[in-house]
Amino acid sequence: MYPFVRMVKELWIARNAAPLPLSGTHVSHHRCWPWDLDIWRELNNGRALSLYDLGRIPLAMRTGLIGALRRNRWALTMAGASVRYRRRIRAFDRIEMRSRAVCWDARFIYLEQSMWLSSGDCAGHVLYRAAVTDRNGIVPPERVLREMGHDPAPPPIPDWIAAWIEAEALRPWPPMQESGDPASQRLARRAAP
């Protein structure tokens, strides 16, 4: 189940926090509860992605994105993610989450988030490709940033993010499937001249 109560708590805390520049870092603190665990008694990888929302949505609020979404009846969607898990997060561990926008291009805003243990070790890191959408599709970040009152000029894209963008462009879509399965056969028939 989605952590609705925790999200309300984070939005309540962030409501009086100082506004952030688009590249500012939102820092939040969380606890790993028993219902966040998998069968190995550590933070479930899928749950970790849900918990990252607890930092990302308040970040959007503090940078002015939520206001722009509401005024324009836009939506926010995650269009891709690359995740690294490096340290186990166990029940009752306290986590510091850091969330920030790194850069943007003509279609997407790239965000990074990390979870840190009280030992100072980084437990996990995620790079997200986010898109603002309306009924016609993706709204260019330049337009979104202007609506938020930020400079729309994009900062340089770090090499590691540029490499991920390139890799994603090479990734086949729809995904490759076994040639004998019914879905692949339907796709092959559609693609045939």
C-alpha atoms as a PDB file:
ATOM      1  CA  MET A   1       0.000   0.000   0.000  1.00  0.00           C
ATOM      2  CA  TYR A   2       1.188   3.502  -0.790  1.00  0.00           C
ATOM      3  CA  PRO A   3       2.494   5.456   2.255  1.00  0.00           C
ATOM      4  CA  PHE A   4      -0.311   8.052   2.237  1.00  0.00           C
ATOM      5  CA  VAL A   5      -0.076   8.927   5.940  1.00  0.00           C
ATOM      6  CA  ARG A   6       3.673   9.415   5.698  1.00  0.00           C
ATOM      7  CA  MET A   7       3.216  11.611   2.622  1.00  0.00           C
ATOM      8  CA  VAL A   8       0.711  13.824   4.459  1.00  0.00           C
ATOM      9  CA  LYS A   9       3.245  14.148   7.302  1.00  0.00           C
ATOM     10  CA  GLU A  10       6.045  15.142   4.875  1.00  0.00           C
ATOM     11  CA  LEU A  11       3.855  17.702   3.090  1.00  0.00           C
ATOM     12  CA  TRP A  12       2.786  19.120   6.465  1.00  0.00           C
ATOM     13  CA  ILE A  13       6.434  19.523   7.475  1.00  0.00           C
ATOM     14  CA  ALA A  14       7.425  21.039   4.112  1.00  0.00           C
ATOM     15  CA  ARG A  15       4.556  23.536   4.006  1.00  0.00           C
ATOM     16  CA  ASN A  16       6.473  26.042   6.155  1.00  0.00           C
ATOM     17  CA  ALA A  17       9.957  25.213   4.862  1.00  0.00           C
ATOM     18  CA  ALA A  18      11.822  27.911   2.966  1.00  0.00           C
ATOM     19  CA  PRO A  19      11.427  27.839  -0.818  1.00  0.00           C
ATOM     20  CA  LEU A  20      14.249  26.140  -2.682  1.00  0.00           C
ATOM     21  CA  PRO A  21      15.959  27.071  -5.921  1.00  0.00           C
ATOM     22  CA  LEU A  22      15.397  24.420  -8.558  1.00  0.00           C
ATOM     23  CA  SER A  23      18.830  22.916  -7.912  1.00  0.00           C
ATOM     24  CA  GLY A  24      18.401  23.077  -4.124  1.00  0.00           C
ATOM     25  CA  THR A  25      18.464  19.936  -1.994  1.00  0.00           C
ATOM     26  CA  HIS A  26      15.451  18.932   0.061  1.00  0.00           C
ATOM     27  CA  VAL A  27      16.521  16.901   3.113  1.00  0.00           C
ATOM     28  CA  SER A  28      13.983  14.725   4.904  1.00  0.00           C
ATOM     29  CA  HIS A  29      14.171  12.062   7.605  1.00  0.00           C
ATOM     30  CA  HIS A  30      12.353   8.745   7.653  1.00  0.00           C
ATOM     31  CA  ARG A  31      12.257   5.458   9.492  1.00  0.00           C
ATOM     32  CA  CYS A  32      12.135   1.974   8.026  1.00  0.00           C
ATOM     33  CA  TRP A  33       9.100   0.274   9.562  1.00  0.00           C
ATOM     34  CA  PRO A  34       8.433  -3.485   9.683  1.00  0.00           C
ATOM     35  CA  TRP A  35       5.813  -3.167   6.901  1.00  0.00           C
ATOM     36  CA  ASP A  36       8.546  -1.752   4.620  1.00  0.00           C
ATOM     37  CA  LEU A  37      10.541  -5.002   4.798  1.00  0.00           C
ATOM     38  CA  ASP A  38      10.834  -7.912   2.403  1.00  0.00           C
ATOM     39  CA  ILE A  39      11.340 -11.583   3.300  1.00  0.00           C
ATOM     40  CA  TRP A  40      15.048 -10.876   3.923  1.00  0.00           C
ATOM     41  CA  ARG A  41      14.130  -8.400   6.690  1.00  0.00           C
ATOM     42  CA  GLU A  42      15.471  -5.393   4.820  1.00  0.00           C
ATOM     43  CA  LEU A  43      13.834  -2.476   3.000  1.00  0.00           C
ATOM     44  CA  ASN A  44      12.010  -3.896  -0.008  1.00  0.00           C
ATOM     45  CA  ASN A  45      13.392  -2.519  -3.279  1.00  0.00           C
ATOM     46  CA  GLY A  46       9.931  -1.612  -4.581  1.00  0.00           C
ATOM     47  CA  ARG A  47       9.048   0.045  -1.300  1.00  0.00           C
ATOM     48  CA  ALA A  48      12.252   2.086  -1.511  1.00  0.00           C
ATOM     49  CA  LEU A  49      10.967   3.609  -4.761  1.00  0.00           C
ATOM     50  CA  SER A  50       7.681   4.495  -3.036  1.00  0.00           C
ATOM     51  CA  LEU A  51       9.583   6.046  -0.139  1.00  0.00           C
ATOM     52  CA  TYR A  52      11.561   8.231  -2.542  1.00  0.00           C
ATOM     53  CA  ASP A  53       8.220   9.941  -3.261  1.00  0.00           C
ATOM     54  CA  LEU A  54       8.366  11.208   0.337  1.00  0.00           C
ATOM     55  CA  GLY A  55      11.324  13.378  -0.657  1.00  0.00           C
ATOM     56  CA  ARG A  56      10.470  14.117  -4.271  1.00  0.00           C
ATOM     57  CA  ILE A  57       6.956  15.524  -3.787  1.00  0.00           C
ATOM     58  CA  PRO A  58       7.979  17.955  -0.983  1.00  0.00           C
ATOM     59  CA  LEU A  59      10.921  18.985  -3.209  1.00  0.00           C
ATOM     60  CA  ALA A  60       8.413  19.767  -5.965  1.00  0.00           C
ATOM     61  CA  MET A  61       6.383  21.772  -3.462  1.00  0.00           C
ATOM     62  CA  ARG A  62       9.366  23.785  -2.198  1.00  0.00           C
ATOM     63  CA  THR A  63      10.654  24.621  -5.702  1.00  0.00           C
ATOM     64  CA  GLY A  64       7.236  25.840  -6.872  1.00  0.00           C
ATOM     65  CA  LEU A  65       6.489  22.941  -9.208  1.00  0.00           C
ATOM     66  CA  ILE A  66       3.316  21.854  -7.376  1.00  0.00           C
ATOM     67  CA  GLY A  67       1.890  25.372  -7.738  1.00  0.00           C
ATOM     68  CA  ALA A  68       2.684  25.400 -11.474  1.00  0.00           C
ATOM     69  CA  LEU A  69       1.076  21.966 -11.888  1.00  0.00           C
ATOM     70  CA  ARG A  70      -2.115  23.131 -10.189  1.00  0.00           C
ATOM     71  CA  ARG A  71      -2.355  26.458 -12.051  1.00  0.00           C
ATOM     72  CA  ASN A  72      -1.950  24.790 -15.437  1.00  0.00           C
ATOM     73  CA  ARG A  73      -3.734  21.507 -14.718  1.00  0.00           C
ATOM     74  CA  TRP A  74      -0.548  19.637 -15.503  1.00  0.00           C
ATOM     75  CA  ALA A  75       0.563  16.285 -14.133  1.00  0.00           C
ATOM     76  CA  LEU A  76       3.946  14.904 -13.126  1.00  0.00           C
ATOM     77  CA  THR A  77       5.119  11.474 -14.193  1.00  0.00           C
ATOM     78  CA  MET A  78       8.276   9.452 -13.835  1.00  0.00           C
ATOM     79  CA  ALA A  79       9.506   8.434 -17.295  1.00  0.00           C
ATOM     80  CA  GLY A  80      12.471   6.342 -16.185  1.00  0.00           C
ATOM     81  CA  ALA A  81      14.733   5.467 -13.291  1.00  0.00           C
ATOM     82  CA  SER A  82      18.129   3.974 -12.597  1.00  0.00           C
ATOM     83  CA  VAL A  83      18.610   2.676  -9.053  1.00  0.00           C
ATOM     84  CA  ARG A  84      21.609   1.573  -7.020  1.00  0.00           C
ATOM     85  CA  TYR A  85      21.240  -0.284  -3.734  1.00  0.00           C
ATOM     86  CA  ARG A  86      24.502  -0.412  -1.742  1.00  0.00           C
ATOM     87  CA  ARG A  87      23.702  -0.895   1.963  1.00  0.00           C
ATOM     88  CA  ARG A  88      20.910  -2.766   3.697  1.00  0.00           C
ATOM     89  CA  ILE A  89      18.258  -0.741   5.469  1.00  0.00           C
ATOM     90  CA  ARG A  90      16.782  -2.763   8.336  1.00  0.00           C
ATOM     91  CA  ALA A  91      13.684  -2.344  10.506  1.00  0.00           C
ATOM     92  CA  PHE A  92      13.729   0.842  12.580  1.00  0.00           C
ATOM     93  CA  ASP A  93      16.800   2.258  10.808  1.00  0.00           C
ATOM     94  CA  ARG A  94      16.636   6.044  10.522  1.00  0.00           C
ATOM     95  CA  ILE A  95      17.184   7.316   6.991  1.00  0.00           C
ATOM     96  CA  GLU A  96      18.157  10.755   5.762  1.00  0.00           C
ATOM     97  CA  MET A  97      16.875  11.332   2.239  1.00  0.00           C
ATOM     98  CA  ARG A  98      18.362  13.967  -0.059  1.00  0.00           C
ATOM     99  CA  SER A  99      16.410  15.016  -3.145  1.00  0.00           C
ATOM    100  CA  ARG A 100      17.319  17.504  -5.862  1.00  0.00           C
ATOM    101  CA  ALA A 101      16.853  18.390  -9.517  1.00  0.00           C
ATOM    102  CA  VAL A 102      20.172  18.101 -11.351  1.00  0.00           C
ATOM    103  CA  CYS A 103      19.457  19.228 -14.912  1.00  0.00           C
ATOM    104  CA  TRP A 104      16.938  19.181 -17.750  1.00  0.00           C
ATOM    105  CA  ASP A 105      16.788  18.899 -21.498  1.00  0.00           C
ATOM    106  CA  ALA A 106      14.097  19.593 -24.098  1.00  0.00           C
ATOM    107  CA  ARG A 107      11.710  16.959 -22.640  1.00  0.00           C
ATOM    108  CA  PHE A 108      12.710  15.810 -19.173  1.00  0.00           C
ATOM    109  CA  ILE A 109      13.885  16.994 -15.776  1.00  0.00           C
ATOM    110  CA  TYR A 110      16.522  14.742 -14.185  1.00  0.00           C
ATOM    111  CA  LEU A 111      16.339  14.271 -10.431  1.00  0.00           C
ATOM    112  CA  GLU A 112      18.615  12.442  -8.047  1.00  0.00           C
ATOM    113  CA  GLN A 113      17.721  11.110  -4.640  1.00  0.00           C
ATOM    114  CA  SER A 114      19.712   9.225  -2.059  1.00  0.00           C
ATOM    115  CA  MET A 115      19.120   7.481   1.266  1.00  0.00           C
ATOM    116  CA  TRP A 116      21.770   7.769   3.968  1.00  0.00           C
ATOM    117  CA  LEU A 117      22.112   5.681   7.116  1.00  0.00           C
ATOM    118  CA  SER A 118      22.972   7.188  10.499  1.00  0.00           C
ATOM    119  CA  SER A 119      26.463   5.653  10.056  1.00  0.00           C
ATOM    120  CA  GLY A 120      27.011   8.116   7.205  1.00  0.00           C
ATOM    121  CA  ASP A 121      26.899   5.385   4.534  1.00  0.00           C
ATOM    122  CA  CYS A 122      24.855   5.940   1.409  1.00  0.00           C
ATOM    123  CA  ALA A 123      22.386   3.036   1.263  1.00  0.00           C
ATOM    124  CA  GLY A 124      20.841   3.816  -2.106  1.00  0.00           C
ATOM    125  CA  HIS A 125      20.721   6.290  -4.953  1.00  0.00           C
ATOM    126  CA  VAL A 126      18.232   6.808  -7.758  1.00  0.00           C
ATOM    127  CA  LEU A 127      18.288   8.907 -10.911  1.00  0.00           C
ATOM    128  CA  TYR A 128      14.826   9.770 -12.209  1.00  0.00           C
ATOM    129  CA  ARG A 129      13.738  11.165 -15.541  1.00  0.00           C
ATOM    130  CA  ALA A 130      10.575  13.163 -14.833  1.00  0.00           C
ATOM    131  CA  ALA A 131       8.115  14.679 -17.265  1.00  0.00           C
ATOM    132  CA  VAL A 132       5.417  17.258 -16.785  1.00  0.00           C
ATOM    133  CA  THR A 133       2.417  16.416 -18.942  1.00  0.00           C
ATOM    134  CA  ASP A 134      -0.818  17.935 -20.124  1.00  0.00           C
ATOM    135  CA  ARG A 135      -3.570  16.479 -22.321  1.00  0.00           C
ATOM    136  CA  ASN A 136      -1.319  16.905 -25.376  1.00  0.00           C
ATOM    137  CA  GLY A 137       1.695  15.068 -23.967  1.00  0.00           C
ATOM    138  CA  ILE A 138       4.963  16.287 -22.486  1.00  0.00           C
ATOM    139  CA  VAL A 139       5.242  19.964 -21.542  1.00  0.00           C
ATOM    140  CA  PRO A 140       8.770  21.246 -22.342  1.00  0.00           C
ATOM    141  CA  PRO A 141      10.775  21.934 -19.168  1.00  0.00           C
ATOM    142  CA  GLU A 142      11.576  25.429 -20.473  1.00  0.00           C
ATOM    143  CA  ARG A 143       7.861  26.297 -20.295  1.00  0.00           C
ATOM    144  CA  VAL A 144       7.497  24.640 -16.886  1.00  0.00           C
ATOM    145  CA  LEU A 145      10.467  26.544 -15.464  1.00  0.00           C
ATOM    146  CA  ARG A 146       9.151  29.876 -16.721  1.00  0.00           C
ATOM    147  CA  GLU A 147       5.810  29.126 -15.071  1.00  0.00           C
ATOM    148  CA  MET A 148       7.663  28.345 -11.819  1.00  0.00           C
ATOM    149  CA  GLY A 149       9.543  31.654 -12.003  1.00  0.00           C
ATOM    150  CA  HIS A 150      12.937  30.016 -12.613  1.00  0.00           C
ATOM    151  CA  ASP A 151      15.517  30.652 -15.308  1.00  0.00           C
ATOM    152  CA  PRO A 152      14.718  28.156 -18.099  1.00  0.00           C
ATOM    153  CA  ALA A 153      18.328  27.957 -19.350  1.00  0.00           C
ATOM    154  CA  PRO A 154      19.433  24.372 -18.736  1.00  0.00           C
ATOM    155  CA  PRO A 155      22.578  23.726 -16.712  1.00  0.00           C
ATOM    156  CA  PRO A 156      25.206  21.404 -18.184  1.00  0.00           C
ATOM    157  CA  ILE A 157      24.198  17.752 -18.077  1.00  0.00           C
ATOM    158  CA  PRO A 158      26.754  15.789 -16.002  1.00  0.00           C
ATOM    159  CA  ASP A 159      28.599  13.101 -17.967  1.00  0.00           C
ATOM    160  CA  TRP A 160      27.101  10.232 -15.958  1.00  0.00           C
ATOM    161  CA  ILE A 161      23.557  11.446 -16.653  1.00  0.00           C
ATOM    162  CA  ALA A 162      24.353  12.070 -20.338  1.00  0.00           C
ATOM    163  CA  ALA A 163      25.655   8.481 -20.592  1.00  0.00           C
ATOM    164  CA  TRP A 164      22.419   7.173 -19.037  1.00  0.00           C
ATOM    165  CA  ILE A 165      20.334   9.251 -21.466  1.00  0.00           C
ATOM    166  CA  GLU A 166      22.322   7.771 -24.374  1.00  0.00           C
ATOM    167  CA  ALA A 167      21.899   4.238 -23.040  1.00  0.00           C
ATOM    168  CA  GLU A 168      18.152   4.744 -22.652  1.00  0.00           C
ATOM    169  CA  ALA A 169      17.926   5.981 -26.256  1.00  0.00           C
ATOM    170  CA  LEU A 170      19.501   2.695 -27.410  1.00  0.00           C
ATOM    171  CA  ARG A 171      17.197   0.522 -25.329  1.00  0.00           C
ATOM    172  CA  PRO A 172      14.566  -1.217 -27.479  1.00  0.00           C
ATOM    173  CA  TRP A 173      10.919  -0.353 -26.967  1.00  0.00           C
ATOM    174  CA  PRO A 174       8.774  -2.298 -26.730  1.00  0.00           C
ATOM    175  CA  PRO A 175      11.105  -4.735 -24.961  1.00  0.00           C
ATOM    176  CA  MET A 176      12.418  -7.728 -26.844  1.00  0.00           C
ATOM    177  CA  GLN A 177      10.491 -10.936 -26.320  1.00  0.00           C
ATOM    178  CA  GLU A 178      10.925 -14.593 -27.139  1.00  0.00           C
ATOM    179  CA  SER A 179      10.166 -15.127 -30.822  1.00  0.00           C
ATOM    180  CA  GLY A 180       7.756 -17.986 -30.047  1.00  0.00           C
ATOM    181  CA  ASP A 181       5.452 -16.163 -27.663  1.00  0.00           C
ATOM    182  CA  PRO A 182       2.079 -14.872 -28.951  1.00  0.00           C
ATOM    183  CA  ALA A 183       2.840 -11.206 -28.251  1.00  0.00           C
ATOM    184  CA  SER A 184       6.050 -11.338 -30.319  1.00  0.00           C
ATOM    185  CA  GLN A 185       4.219 -13.044 -33.166  1.00  0.00           C
ATOM    186  CA  ARG A 186       1.558 -10.295 -33.193  1.00  0.00           C
ATOM    187  CA  LEU A 187       4.288  -7.596 -33.213  1.00  0.00           C
ATOM    188  CA  ALA A 188       6.106  -9.351 -36.066  1.00  0.00           C
ATOM    189  CA  ARG A 189       2.888  -9.520 -38.122  1.00  0.00           C
ATOM    190  CA  ARG A 190       2.246  -5.806 -37.543  1.00  0.00           C
ATOM    191  CA  ALA A 191       5.808  -4.897 -38.506  1.00  0.00           C
ATOM    192  CA  ALA A 192       5.780  -7.004 -41.679  1.00  0.00           C
ATOM    193  CA  PRO A 193       5.284  -4.995 -44.908  1.00  0.00           C
END
